[in-house]
PDB file of N, CA and C in Angstrom:
ATOM      1  N   MET A   1     264.310 -66.569 168.691  1.00  0.00           N
ATOM      2  CA  MET A   1     264.731 -67.441 167.607  1.00  0.00           C
ATOM      3  C   MET A   1     266.158 -67.069 167.242  1.00  0.00           C
ATOM      4  N   ARG A   2     266.983 -68.080 167.080  1.00  0.00           N
ATOM      5  CA  ARG A   2     268.373 -67.812 166.724  1.00  0.00           C
ATOM      6  C   ARG A   2     268.757 -68.565 165.456  1.00  0.00           C
ATOM      7  N   ILE A   3     269.653 -67.978 164.701  1.00  0.00           N
ATOM      8  CA  ILE A   3     270.234 -68.664 163.551  1.00  0.00           C
ATOM      9  C   ILE A   3     271.256 -69.650 164.097  1.00  0.00           C
ATOM     10  N   VAL A   4     271.191 -70.871 163.601  1.00  0.00           N
ATOM     11  CA  VAL A   4     271.988 -71.957 164.132  1.00  0.00           C
ATOM     12  C   VAL A   4     273.123 -72.296 163.165  1.00  0.00           C
ATOM     13  N   HIS A   5     274.274 -72.612 163.715  1.00  0.00           N
ATOM     14  CA  HIS A   5     275.439 -73.018 162.923  1.00  0.00           C
ATOM     15  C   HIS A   5     275.163 -74.367 162.259  1.00  0.00           C
ATOM     16  N   ILE A   6     275.752 -74.571 161.118  1.00  0.00           N
ATOM     17  CA  ILE A   6     275.566 -75.804 160.338  1.00  0.00           C
ATOM     18  C   ILE A   6     275.931 -77.053 161.150  1.00  0.00           C
ATOM     19  N   SER A   7     276.754 -76.909 162.169  1.00  0.00           N
ATOM     20  CA  SER A   7     277.137 -78.062 162.991  1.00  0.00           C
ATOM     21  C   SER A   7     275.940 -78.678 163.726  1.00  0.00           C
ATOM     22  N   GLU A   8     274.816 -77.937 163.796  1.00  0.00           N
ATOM     23  CA  GLU A   8     273.620 -78.442 164.466  1.00  0.00           C
ATOM     24  C   GLU A   8     272.579 -78.983 163.483  1.00  0.00           C
ATOM     25  N   ILE A   9     272.962 -79.155 162.235  1.00  0.00           N
ATOM     26  CA  ILE A   9     272.025 -79.592 161.195  1.00  0.00           C
ATOM     27  C   ILE A   9     271.421 -80.968 161.478  1.00  0.00           C
ATOM     28  N   ASP A  10     272.108 -81.799 162.243  1.00  0.00           N
ATOM     29  CA  ASP A  10     271.585 -83.133 162.541  1.00  0.00           C
ATOM     30  C   ASP A  10     270.269 -83.084 163.317  1.00  0.00           C
ATOM     31  N   HIS A  11     269.946 -81.951 163.915  1.00  0.00           N
ATOM     32  CA  HIS A  11     268.693 -81.817 164.660  1.00  0.00           C
ATOM     33  C   HIS A  11     267.457 -81.888 163.763  1.00  0.00           C
ATOM     34  N   ILE A  12     267.638 -81.751 162.449  1.00  0.00           N
ATOM     35  CA  ILE A  12     266.491 -81.834 161.539  1.00  0.00           C
ATOM     36  C   ILE A  12     266.557 -83.089 160.672  1.00  0.00           C
ATOM     37  N   GLN A  13     267.463 -83.977 160.963  1.00  0.00           N
ATOM     38  CA  GLN A  13     267.671 -85.150 160.109  1.00  0.00           C
ATOM     39  C   GLN A  13     266.410 -86.012 159.974  1.00  0.00           C
ATOM     40  N   SER A  14     265.718 -86.254 161.050  1.00  0.00           N
ATOM     41  CA  SER A  14     264.512 -87.071 160.993  1.00  0.00           C
ATOM     42  C   SER A  14     263.421 -86.382 160.164  1.00  0.00           C
ATOM     43  N   ALA A  15     263.216 -85.097 160.401  1.00  0.00           N
ATOM     44  CA  ALA A  15     262.186 -84.354 159.660  1.00  0.00           C
ATOM     45  C   ALA A  15     262.528 -84.244 158.174  1.00  0.00           C
ATOM     46  N   ALA A  16     263.805 -84.096 157.870  1.00  0.00           N
ATOM     47  CA  ALA A  16     264.237 -83.941 156.480  1.00  0.00           C
ATOM     48  C   ALA A  16     264.188 -85.263 155.715  1.00  0.00           C
ATOM     49  N   ALA A  17     264.322 -86.365 156.437  1.00  0.00           N
ATOM     50  CA  ALA A  17     264.251 -87.712 155.857  1.00  0.00           C
ATOM     51  C   ALA A  17     265.180 -87.845 154.647  1.00  0.00           C
ATOM     52  N   ASN A  18     264.636 -88.273 153.530  1.00  0.00           N
ATOM     53  CA  ASN A  18     265.445 -88.511 152.327  1.00  0.00           C
ATOM     54  C   ASN A  18     266.000 -87.231 151.714  1.00  0.00           C
ATOM     55  N   ASP A  19     265.459 -86.087 152.097  1.00  0.00           N
ATOM     56  CA  ASP A  19     265.916 -84.804 151.556  1.00  0.00           C
ATOM     57  C   ASP A  19     267.015 -84.162 152.402  1.00  0.00           C
ATOM     58  N   PHE A  20     267.510 -84.875 153.412  1.00  0.00           N
ATOM     59  CA  PHE A  20     268.477 -84.293 154.346  1.00  0.00           C
ATOM     60  C   PHE A  20     269.682 -83.696 153.635  1.00  0.00           C
ATOM     61  N   GLU A  21     270.313 -84.419 152.744  1.00  0.00           N
ATOM     62  CA  GLU A  21     271.531 -83.918 152.079  1.00  0.00           C
ATOM     63  C   GLU A  21     271.234 -82.704 151.214  1.00  0.00           C
ATOM     64  N   VAL A  22     270.085 -82.693 150.556  1.00  0.00           N
ATOM     65  CA  VAL A  22     269.701 -81.550 149.723  1.00  0.00           C
ATOM     66  C   VAL A  22     269.469 -80.321 150.599  1.00  0.00           C
ATOM     67  N   ILE A  23     268.742 -80.523 151.704  1.00  0.00           N
ATOM     68  CA  ILE A  23     268.457 -79.411 152.615  1.00  0.00           C
ATOM     69  C   ILE A  23     269.747 -78.902 153.252  1.00  0.00           C
ATOM     70  N   LYS A  24     270.604 -79.812 153.654  1.00  0.00           N
ATOM     71  CA  LYS A  24     271.897 -79.428 154.229  1.00  0.00           C
ATOM     72  C   LYS A  24     272.691 -78.589 153.233  1.00  0.00           C
ATOM     73  N   ALA A  25     272.709 -79.007 151.971  1.00  0.00           N
ATOM     74  CA  ALA A  25     273.442 -78.259 150.935  1.00  0.00           C
ATOM     75  C   ALA A  25     272.854 -76.860 150.758  1.00  0.00           C
ATOM     76  N   GLU A  26     271.527 -76.719 150.838  1.00  0.00           N
ATOM     77  CA  GLU A  26     270.900 -75.399 150.725  1.00  0.00           C
ATOM     78  C   GLU A  26     271.328 -74.489 151.868  1.00  0.00           C
ATOM     79  N   VAL A  27     271.438 -75.052 153.078  1.00  0.00           N
ATOM     80  CA  VAL A  27     271.883 -74.257 154.225  1.00  0.00           C
ATOM     81  C   VAL A  27     273.349 -73.859 154.044  1.00  0.00           C
ATOM     82  N   VAL A  28     274.179 -74.798 153.646  1.00  0.00           N
ATOM     83  CA  VAL A  28     275.611 -74.522 153.438  1.00  0.00           C
ATOM     84  C   VAL A  28     275.798 -73.437 152.375  1.00  0.00           C
ATOM     85  N   GLN A  29     275.001 -73.488 151.312  1.00  0.00           N
ATOM     86  CA  GLN A  29     275.119 -72.524 150.211  1.00  0.00           C
ATOM     87  C   GLN A  29     274.459 -71.181 150.516  1.00  0.00           C
ATOM     88  N   GLY A  30     273.774 -71.082 151.645  1.00  0.00           N
ATOM     89  CA  GLY A  30     273.106 -69.831 151.999  1.00  0.00           C
ATOM     90  C   GLY A  30     271.759 -69.644 151.327  1.00  0.00           C
ATOM     91  N   LEU A  31     271.216 -70.694 150.734  1.00  0.00           N
ATOM     92  CA  LEU A  31     269.909 -70.619 150.097  1.00  0.00           C
ATOM     93  C   LEU A  31     268.779 -70.790 151.114  1.00  0.00           C
ATOM     94  N   ALA A  32     269.121 -71.353 152.268  1.00  0.00           N
ATOM     95  CA  ALA A  32     268.171 -71.559 153.355  1.00  0.00           C
ATOM     96  C   ALA A  32     268.915 -71.307 154.661  1.00  0.00           C
ATOM     97  N   VAL A  33     268.161 -71.165 155.739  1.00  0.00           N
ATOM     98  CA  VAL A  33     268.777 -70.895 157.042  1.00  0.00           C
ATOM     99  C   VAL A  33     268.194 -71.860 158.072  1.00  0.00           C
ATOM    100  N   LEU A  34     269.062 -72.329 158.950  1.00  0.00           N
ATOM    101  CA  LEU A  34     268.659 -73.190 160.052  1.00  0.00           C
ATOM    102  C   LEU A  34     268.468 -72.315 161.279  1.00  0.00           C
ATOM    103  N   VAL A  35     267.275 -72.401 161.891  1.00  0.00           N
ATOM    104  CA  VAL A  35     266.965 -71.608 163.076  1.00  0.00           C
ATOM    105  C   VAL A  35     266.478 -72.527 164.187  1.00  0.00           C
ATOM    106  N   GLU A  36     266.547 -71.994 165.423  1.00  0.00           N
ATOM    107  CA  GLU A  36     266.102 -72.774 166.585  1.00  0.00           C
ATOM    108  C   GLU A  36     265.478 -71.849 167.609  1.00  0.00           C
ATOM    109  N   PHE A  37     264.452 -72.357 168.269  1.00  0.00           N
ATOM    110  CA  PHE A  37     263.865 -71.691 169.423  1.00  0.00           C
ATOM    111  C   PHE A  37     263.180 -72.752 170.260  1.00  0.00           C
ATOM    112  N   ASP A  38     263.461 -72.759 171.547  1.00  0.00           N
ATOM    113  CA  ASP A  38     262.801 -73.662 172.484  1.00  0.00           C
ATOM    114  C   ASP A  38     262.912 -75.124 172.039  1.00  0.00           C
ATOM    115  N   SER A  39     264.102 -75.487 171.551  1.00  0.00           N
ATOM    116  CA  SER A  39     264.429 -76.849 171.094  1.00  0.00           C
ATOM    117  C   SER A  39     263.671 -77.289 169.851  1.00  0.00           C
ATOM    118  N   CYS A  40     263.092 -76.355 169.123  1.00  0.00           N
ATOM    119  CA  CYS A  40     262.477 -76.659 167.831  1.00  0.00           C
ATOM    120  C   CYS A  40     263.392 -76.084 166.754  1.00  0.00           C
ATOM    121  N   TYR A  41     263.792 -76.940 165.831  1.00  0.00           N
ATOM    122  CA  TYR A  41     264.679 -76.542 164.741  1.00  0.00           C
ATOM    123  C   TYR A  41     263.883 -76.469 163.448  1.00  0.00           C
ATOM    124  N   CYS A  42     264.111 -75.420 162.668  1.00  0.00           N
ATOM    125  CA  CYS A  42     263.442 -75.238 161.389  1.00  0.00           C
ATOM    126  C   CYS A  42     264.444 -74.797 160.337  1.00  0.00           C
ATOM    127  N   VAL A  43     264.204 -75.222 159.131  1.00  0.00           N
ATOM    128  CA  VAL A  43     264.944 -74.700 157.993  1.00  0.00           C
ATOM    129  C   VAL A  43     263.967 -73.835 157.213  1.00  0.00           C
ATOM    130  N   LEU A  44     264.368 -72.589 156.987  1.00  0.00           N
ATOM    131  CA  LEU A  44     263.527 -71.613 156.296  1.00  0.00           C
ATOM    132  C   LEU A  44     264.211 -71.168 155.006  1.00  0.00           C
ATOM    133  N   ARG A  45     263.399 -70.965 153.981  1.00  0.00           N
ATOM    134  CA  ARG A  45     263.925 -70.483 152.697  1.00  0.00           C
ATOM    135  C   ARG A  45     263.001 -69.382 152.193  1.00  0.00           C
ATOM    136  N   HIS A  46     263.582 -68.278 151.775  1.00  0.00           N
ATOM    137  CA  HIS A  46     262.789 -67.163 151.232  1.00  0.00           C
ATOM    138  C   HIS A  46     262.711 -67.329 149.728  1.00  0.00           C
ATOM    139  N   ASP A  47     261.549 -67.687 149.244  1.00  0.00           N
ATOM    140  CA  ASP A  47     261.294 -67.819 147.813  1.00  0.00           C
ATOM    141  C   ASP A  47     260.530 -66.596 147.337  1.00  0.00           C
ATOM    142  N   ARG A  48     260.404 -66.438 146.051  1.00  0.00           N
ATOM    143  CA  ARG A  48     259.718 -65.253 145.529  1.00  0.00           C
ATOM    144  C   ARG A  48     258.244 -65.196 145.923  1.00  0.00           C
ATOM    145  N   ASP A  49     257.643 -66.364 146.189  1.00  0.00           N
ATOM    146  CA  ASP A  49     256.227 -66.348 146.556  1.00  0.00           C
ATOM    147  C   ASP A  49     255.994 -66.440 148.060  1.00  0.00           C
ATOM    148  N   GLY A  50     257.065 -66.402 148.866  1.00  0.00           N
ATOM    149  CA  GLY A  50     256.878 -66.390 150.306  1.00  0.00           C
ATOM    150  C   GLY A  50     258.004 -67.034 151.078  1.00  0.00           C
ATOM    151  N   LEU A  51     257.792 -67.140 152.376  1.00  0.00           N
ATOM    152  CA  LEU A  51     258.744 -67.783 153.266  1.00  0.00           C
ATOM    153  C   LEU A  51     258.335 -69.244 153.375  1.00  0.00           C
ATOM    154  N   CYS A  52     259.212 -70.138 152.971  1.00  0.00           N
ATOM    155  CA  CYS A  52     258.931 -71.572 152.982  1.00  0.00           C
ATOM    156  C   CYS A  52     259.553 -72.197 154.224  1.00  0.00           C
ATOM    157  N   VAL A  53     258.745 -72.910 154.994  1.00  0.00           N
ATOM    158  CA  VAL A  53     259.247 -73.714 156.099  1.00  0.00           C
ATOM    159  C   VAL A  53     259.603 -75.057 155.473  1.00  0.00           C
ATOM    160  N   VAL A  54     260.885 -75.240 155.189  1.00  0.00           N
ATOM    161  CA  VAL A  54     261.353 -76.418 154.476  1.00  0.00           C
ATOM    162  C   VAL A  54     261.143 -77.667 155.327  1.00  0.00           C
ATOM    163  N   CYS A  55     261.514 -77.598 156.592  1.00  0.00           N
ATOM    164  CA  CYS A  55     261.258 -78.687 157.522  1.00  0.00           C
ATOM    165  C   CYS A  55     261.379 -78.156 158.943  1.00  0.00           C
ATOM    166  N   ALA A  56     260.770 -78.890 159.861  1.00  0.00           N
ATOM    167  CA  ALA A  56     260.805 -78.507 161.271  1.00  0.00           C
ATOM    168  C   ALA A  56     260.833 -79.771 162.112  1.00  0.00           C
ATOM    169  N   GLN A  57     261.582 -79.714 163.191  1.00  0.00           N
ATOM    170  CA  GLN A  57     261.667 -80.857 164.088  1.00  0.00           C
ATOM    171  C   GLN A  57     261.785 -80.372 165.519  1.00  0.00           C
ATOM    172  N   GLY A  58     261.020 -80.967 166.390  1.00  0.00           N
ATOM    173  CA  GLY A  58     261.025 -80.621 167.798  1.00  0.00           C
ATOM    174  C   GLY A  58     259.602 -80.518 168.310  1.00  0.00           C
ATOM    175  N   LYS A  59     259.444 -80.651 169.598  1.00  0.00           N
ATOM    176  CA  LYS A  59     258.111 -80.679 170.194  1.00  0.00           C
ATOM    177  C   LYS A  59     257.487 -79.299 170.347  1.00  0.00           C
ATOM    178  N   ASN A  60     258.251 -78.252 170.133  1.00  0.00           N
ATOM    179  CA  ASN A  60     257.766 -76.902 170.434  1.00  0.00           C
ATOM    180  C   ASN A  60     257.527 -76.051 169.198  1.00  0.00           C
ATOM    181  N   LEU A  61     256.922 -76.648 168.191  1.00  0.00           N
ATOM    182  CA  LEU A  61     256.642 -75.905 166.966  1.00  0.00           C
ATOM    183  C   LEU A  61     255.748 -74.693 167.239  1.00  0.00           C
ATOM    184  N   LEU A  62     254.824 -74.846 168.164  1.00  0.00           N
ATOM    185  CA  LEU A  62     253.954 -73.706 168.477  1.00  0.00           C
ATOM    186  C   LEU A  62     254.711 -72.571 169.156  1.00  0.00           C
ATOM    187  N   SER A  63     255.843 -72.870 169.780  1.00  0.00           N
ATOM    188  CA  SER A  63     256.661 -71.813 170.397  1.00  0.00           C
ATOM    189  C   SER A  63     257.401 -70.990 169.353  1.00  0.00           C
ATOM    190  N   ILE A  64     257.874 -71.638 168.295  1.00  0.00           N
ATOM    191  CA  ILE A  64     258.655 -70.932 167.277  1.00  0.00           C
ATOM    192  C   ILE A  64     257.757 -70.288 166.217  1.00  0.00           C
ATOM    193  N   ALA A  65     256.541 -70.777 166.063  1.00  0.00           N
ATOM    194  CA  ALA A  65     255.648 -70.296 165.004  1.00  0.00           C
ATOM    195  C   ALA A  65     255.451 -68.777 165.000  1.00  0.00           C
ATOM    196  N   PRO A  66     255.214 -68.128 166.147  1.00  0.00           N
ATOM    197  CA  PRO A  66     255.037 -66.663 166.108  1.00  0.00           C
ATOM    198  C   PRO A  66     256.280 -65.925 165.599  1.00  0.00           C
ATOM    199  N   TYR A  67     257.454 -66.472 165.858  1.00  0.00           N
ATOM    200  CA  TYR A  67     258.689 -65.849 165.378  1.00  0.00           C
ATOM    201  C   TYR A  67     258.831 -66.003 163.871  1.00  0.00           C
ATOM    202  N   ILE A  68     258.387 -67.136 163.355  1.00  0.00           N
ATOM    203  CA  ILE A  68     258.426 -67.343 161.905  1.00  0.00           C
ATOM    204  C   ILE A  68     257.465 -66.369 161.225  1.00  0.00           C
ATOM    205  N   VAL A  69     256.287 -66.203 161.805  1.00  0.00           N
ATOM    206  CA  VAL A  69     255.315 -65.246 161.253  1.00  0.00           C
ATOM    207  C   VAL A  69     255.884 -63.828 161.310  1.00  0.00           C
ATOM    208  N   ALA A  70     256.488 -63.464 162.422  1.00  0.00           N
ATOM    209  CA  ALA A  70     257.078 -62.128 162.551  1.00  0.00           C
ATOM    210  C   ALA A  70     258.200 -61.917 161.532  1.00  0.00           C
ATOM    211  N   LEU A  71     259.030 -62.937 161.341  1.00  0.00           N
ATOM    212  CA  LEU A  71     260.104 -62.845 160.350  1.00  0.00           C
ATOM    213  C   LEU A  71     259.531 -62.664 158.951  1.00  0.00           C
ATOM    214  N   ALA A  72     258.517 -63.439 158.617  1.00  0.00           N
ATOM    215  CA  ALA A  72     257.901 -63.328 157.289  1.00  0.00           C
ATOM    216  C   ALA A  72     257.355 -61.926 157.058  1.00  0.00           C
ATOM    217  N   ARG A  73     256.730 -61.373 158.078  1.00  0.00           N
ATOM    218  CA  ARG A  73     256.210 -59.999 157.949  1.00  0.00           C
ATOM    219  C   ARG A  73     257.353 -59.001 157.826  1.00  0.00           C
ATOM    220  N   TYR A  74     258.413 -59.211 158.588  1.00  0.00           N
ATOM    221  CA  TYR A  74     259.570 -58.304 158.562  1.00  0.00           C
ATOM    222  C   TYR A  74     260.208 -58.252 157.172  1.00  0.00           C
ATOM    223  N   ILE A  75     260.328 -59.421 156.534  1.00  0.00           N
ATOM    224  CA  ILE A  75     260.951 -59.462 155.200  1.00  0.00           C
ATOM    225  C   ILE A  75     259.934 -59.195 154.093  1.00  0.00           C
ATOM    226  N   LYS A  76     258.699 -58.883 154.505  1.00  0.00           N
ATOM    227  CA  LYS A  76     257.615 -58.551 153.579  1.00  0.00           C
ATOM    228  C   LYS A  76     257.290 -59.702 152.619  1.00  0.00           C
ATOM    229  N   ALA A  77     257.357 -60.923 153.147  1.00  0.00           N
ATOM    230  CA  ALA A  77     256.965 -62.091 152.357  1.00  0.00           C
ATOM    231  C   ALA A  77     255.446 -62.056 152.175  1.00  0.00           C
ATOM    232  N   PRO A  78     254.963 -62.375 150.998  1.00  0.00           N
ATOM    233  CA  PRO A  78     253.515 -62.352 150.793  1.00  0.00           C
ATOM    234  C   PRO A  78     252.778 -63.494 151.494  1.00  0.00           C
ATOM    235  N   SER A  79     253.525 -64.552 151.850  1.00  0.00           N
ATOM    236  CA  SER A  79     252.890 -65.690 152.502  1.00  0.00           C
ATOM    237  C   SER A  79     253.935 -66.570 153.175  1.00  0.00           C
ATOM    238  N   ILE A  80     253.431 -67.510 153.955  1.00  0.00           N
ATOM    239  CA  ILE A  80     254.255 -68.570 154.537  1.00  0.00           C
ATOM    240  C   ILE A  80     253.701 -69.873 153.982  1.00  0.00           C
ATOM    241  N   VAL A  81     254.576 -70.744 153.550  1.00  0.00           N
ATOM    242  CA  VAL A  81     254.138 -72.005 152.957  1.00  0.00           C
ATOM    243  C   VAL A  81     254.903 -73.162 153.586  1.00  0.00           C
ATOM    244  N   TYR A  82     254.231 -74.295 153.721  1.00  0.00           N
ATOM    245  CA  TYR A  82     254.908 -75.517 154.135  1.00  0.00           C
ATOM    246  C   TYR A  82     254.284 -76.707 153.423  1.00  0.00           C
ATOM    247  N   HIS A  83     255.074 -77.763 153.268  1.00  0.00           N
ATOM    248  CA  HIS A  83     254.656 -78.997 152.619  1.00  0.00           C
ATOM    249  C   HIS A  83     254.743 -80.091 153.676  1.00  0.00           C
ATOM    250  N   THR A  84     253.751 -80.951 153.748  1.00  0.00           N
ATOM    251  CA  THR A  84     253.785 -82.003 154.771  1.00  0.00           C
ATOM    252  C   THR A  84     252.983 -83.219 154.336  1.00  0.00           C
ATOM    253  N   LYS A  85     253.355 -84.349 154.895  1.00  0.00           N
ATOM    254  CA  LYS A  85     252.555 -85.568 154.765  1.00  0.00           C
ATOM    255  C   LYS A  85     251.870 -85.869 156.094  1.00  0.00           C
ATOM    256  N   ARG A  86     252.148 -85.057 157.120  1.00  0.00           N
ATOM    257  CA  ARG A  86     251.601 -85.274 158.461  1.00  0.00           C
ATOM    258  C   ARG A  86     250.305 -84.495 158.653  1.00  0.00           C
ATOM    259  N   LYS A  87     249.195 -85.201 158.756  1.00  0.00           N
ATOM    260  CA  LYS A  87     247.908 -84.538 158.966  1.00  0.00           C
ATOM    261  C   LYS A  87     247.864 -83.838 160.317  1.00  0.00           C
ATOM    262  N   ALA A  88     248.612 -84.351 161.277  1.00  0.00           N
ATOM    263  CA  ALA A  88     248.622 -83.749 162.617  1.00  0.00           C
ATOM    264  C   ALA A  88     249.197 -82.332 162.589  1.00  0.00           C
ATOM    265  N   LEU A  89     250.074 -82.040 161.658  1.00  0.00           N
ATOM    266  CA  LEU A  89     250.670 -80.706 161.573  1.00  0.00           C
ATOM    267  C   LEU A  89     249.601 -79.653 161.278  1.00  0.00           C
ATOM    268  N   LYS A  90     248.656 -79.990 160.423  1.00  0.00           N
ATOM    269  CA  LYS A  90     247.565 -79.051 160.118  1.00  0.00           C
ATOM    270  C   LYS A  90     246.765 -78.755 161.385  1.00  0.00           C
ATOM    271  N   ARG A  91     246.473 -79.776 162.172  1.00  0.00           N
ATOM    272  CA  ARG A  91     245.737 -79.562 163.420  1.00  0.00           C
ATOM    273  C   ARG A  91     246.558 -78.734 164.401  1.00  0.00           C
ATOM    274  N   LEU A  92     247.860 -79.022 164.470  1.00  0.00           N
ATOM    275  CA  LEU A  92     248.735 -78.303 165.390  1.00  0.00           C
ATOM    276  C   LEU A  92     248.774 -76.812 165.072  1.00  0.00           C
ATOM    277  N   LEU A  93     248.767 -76.486 163.800  1.00  0.00           N
ATOM    278  CA  LEU A  93     248.855 -75.080 163.380  1.00  0.00           C
ATOM    279  C   LEU A  93     247.484 -74.465 163.091  1.00  0.00           C
ATOM    280  N   SER A  94     246.434 -75.048 163.640  1.00  0.00           N
ATOM    281  CA  SER A  94     245.078 -74.581 163.342  1.00  0.00           C
ATOM    282  C   SER A  94     244.811 -73.157 163.834  1.00  0.00           C
ATOM    283  N   THR A  95     245.611 -72.644 164.757  1.00  0.00           N
ATOM    284  CA  THR A  95     245.420 -71.266 165.221  1.00  0.00           C
ATOM    285  C   THR A  95     245.872 -70.251 164.164  1.00  0.00           C
ATOM    286  N   TYR A  96     246.572 -70.734 163.149  1.00  0.00           N
ATOM    287  CA  TYR A  96     247.023 -69.886 162.046  1.00  0.00           C
ATOM    288  C   TYR A  96     246.136 -70.161 160.844  1.00  0.00           C
ATOM    289  N   SER A  97     246.052 -69.211 159.961  1.00  0.00           N
ATOM    290  CA  SER A  97     245.121 -69.317 158.828  1.00  0.00           C
ATOM    291  C   SER A  97     245.764 -69.964 157.598  1.00  0.00           C
ATOM    292  N   PHE A  98     246.369 -71.131 157.794  1.00  0.00           N
ATOM    293  CA  PHE A  98     246.920 -71.869 156.660  1.00  0.00           C
ATOM    294  C   PHE A  98     245.776 -72.505 155.883  1.00  0.00           C
ATOM    295  N   VAL A  99     245.872 -72.446 154.574  1.00  0.00           N
ATOM    296  CA  VAL A  99     244.850 -72.996 153.695  1.00  0.00           C
ATOM    297  C   VAL A  99     245.511 -74.037 152.803  1.00  0.00           C
ATOM    298  N   TYR A 100     244.832 -75.158 152.648  1.00  0.00           N
ATOM    299  CA  TYR A 100     245.324 -76.198 151.746  1.00  0.00           C
ATOM    300  C   TYR A 100     245.343 -75.643 150.324  1.00  0.00           C
ATOM    301  N   GLU A 101     246.468 -75.845 149.646  1.00  0.00           N
ATOM    302  CA  GLU A 101     246.615 -75.321 148.290  1.00  0.00           C
ATOM    303  C   GLU A 101     246.592 -76.418 147.238  1.00  0.00           C
ATOM    304  N   ALA A 102     247.345 -77.495 147.477  1.00  0.00           N
ATOM    305  CA  ALA A 102     247.455 -78.582 146.500  1.00  0.00           C
ATOM    306  C   ALA A 102     248.236 -79.726 147.130  1.00  0.00           C
ATOM    307  N   THR A 103     248.333 -80.808 146.398  1.00  0.00           N
ATOM    308  CA  THR A 103     249.213 -81.914 146.779  1.00  0.00           C
ATOM    309  C   THR A 103     250.226 -82.069 145.660  1.00  0.00           C
ATOM    310  N   ASP A 104     251.515 -82.074 146.004  1.00  0.00           N
ATOM    311  CA  ASP A 104     252.538 -82.163 144.964  1.00  0.00           C
ATOM    312  C   ASP A 104     252.716 -83.603 144.488  1.00  0.00           C
ATOM    313  N   GLU A 105     253.590 -83.770 143.510  1.00  0.00           N
ATOM    314  CA  GLU A 105     253.794 -85.083 142.885  1.00  0.00           C
ATOM    315  C   GLU A 105     254.371 -86.125 143.842  1.00  0.00           C
ATOM    316  N   ASP A 106     254.954 -85.685 144.951  1.00  0.00           N
ATOM    317  CA  ASP A 106     255.512 -86.615 145.935  1.00  0.00           C
ATOM    318  C   ASP A 106     254.527 -86.926 147.069  1.00  0.00           C
ATOM    319  N   GLY A 107     253.314 -86.408 146.966  1.00  0.00           N
ATOM    320  CA  GLY A 107     252.295 -86.690 147.964  1.00  0.00           C
ATOM    321  C   GLY A 107     252.278 -85.747 149.159  1.00  0.00           C
ATOM    322  N   TYR A 108     253.033 -84.654 149.073  1.00  0.00           N
ATOM    323  CA  TYR A 108     253.047 -83.668 150.155  1.00  0.00           C
ATOM    324  C   TYR A 108     251.894 -82.685 149.962  1.00  0.00           C
ATOM    325  N   ALA A 109     251.104 -82.470 151.014  1.00  0.00           N
ATOM    326  CA  ALA A 109     250.066 -81.438 150.982  1.00  0.00           C
ATOM    327  C   ALA A 109     250.746 -80.094 151.178  1.00  0.00           C
ATOM    328  N   ILE A 110     250.349 -79.121 150.392  1.00  0.00           N
ATOM    329  CA  ILE A 110     250.931 -77.782 150.444  1.00  0.00           C
ATOM    330  C   ILE A 110     249.917 -76.851 151.106  1.00  0.00           C
ATOM    331  N   TYR A 111     250.382 -76.182 152.172  1.00  0.00           N
ATOM    332  CA  TYR A 111     249.535 -75.232 152.895  1.00  0.00           C
ATOM    333  C   TYR A 111     250.180 -73.861 152.833  1.00  0.00           C
ATOM    334  N   ARG A 112     249.339 -72.841 152.705  1.00  0.00           N
ATOM    335  CA  ARG A 112     249.836 -71.461 152.614  1.00  0.00           C
ATOM    336  C   ARG A 112     249.012 -70.565 153.517  1.00  0.00           C
ATOM    337  N   MET A 113     249.719 -69.637 154.161  1.00  0.00           N
ATOM    338  CA  MET A 113     249.064 -68.604 154.943  1.00  0.00           C
ATOM    339  C   MET A 113     249.430 -67.267 154.312  1.00  0.00           C
ATOM    340  N   ALA A 114     248.443 -66.585 153.762  1.00  0.00           N
ATOM    341  CA  ALA A 114     248.684 -65.276 153.159  1.00  0.00           C
ATOM    342  C   ALA A 114     248.901 -64.259 154.265  1.00  0.00           C
ATOM    343  N   LEU A 115     249.814 -63.347 154.016  1.00  0.00           N
ATOM    344  CA  LEU A 115     250.098 -62.272 154.976  1.00  0.00           C
ATOM    345  C   LEU A 115     249.609 -60.967 154.371  1.00  0.00           C
ATOM    346  N   ASN A 116     248.880 -60.219 155.142  1.00  0.00           N
ATOM    347  CA  ASN A 116     248.319 -58.938 154.670  1.00  0.00           C
ATOM    348  C   ASN A 116     249.104 -57.773 155.232  1.00  0.00           C
ATOM    349  N   GLY A 117     250.352 -57.687 154.825  1.00  0.00           N
ATOM    350  CA  GLY A 117     251.163 -56.541 155.239  1.00  0.00           C
ATOM    351  C   GLY A 117     251.816 -56.649 156.545  1.00  0.00           C
TER     352      GLY A 117
END
């Protein structure tokens, strides 16, 4: 997994949808980081309650997932969280112990995987 320069931010434009400019600003300000592995691009943000996968785009999400888990453990994040409207994403990540937490006001389902050290 590599940290990607802001010039490659367009690789997440479809996944970011209407939030693209906000997510781009977070990366520019250093509040989030754009990473890539095996042509899958993700924006990650370290919040106080865990490592948030802000958005991901690319066919190889399962290739980058172990690196995201390793990073979360390395930074001692208590959990990994993602928000999605795509039911297929839950099936895709079924090998991980993500648990449905809630649905936010925008209709995104929130899933969290607790990390035990």
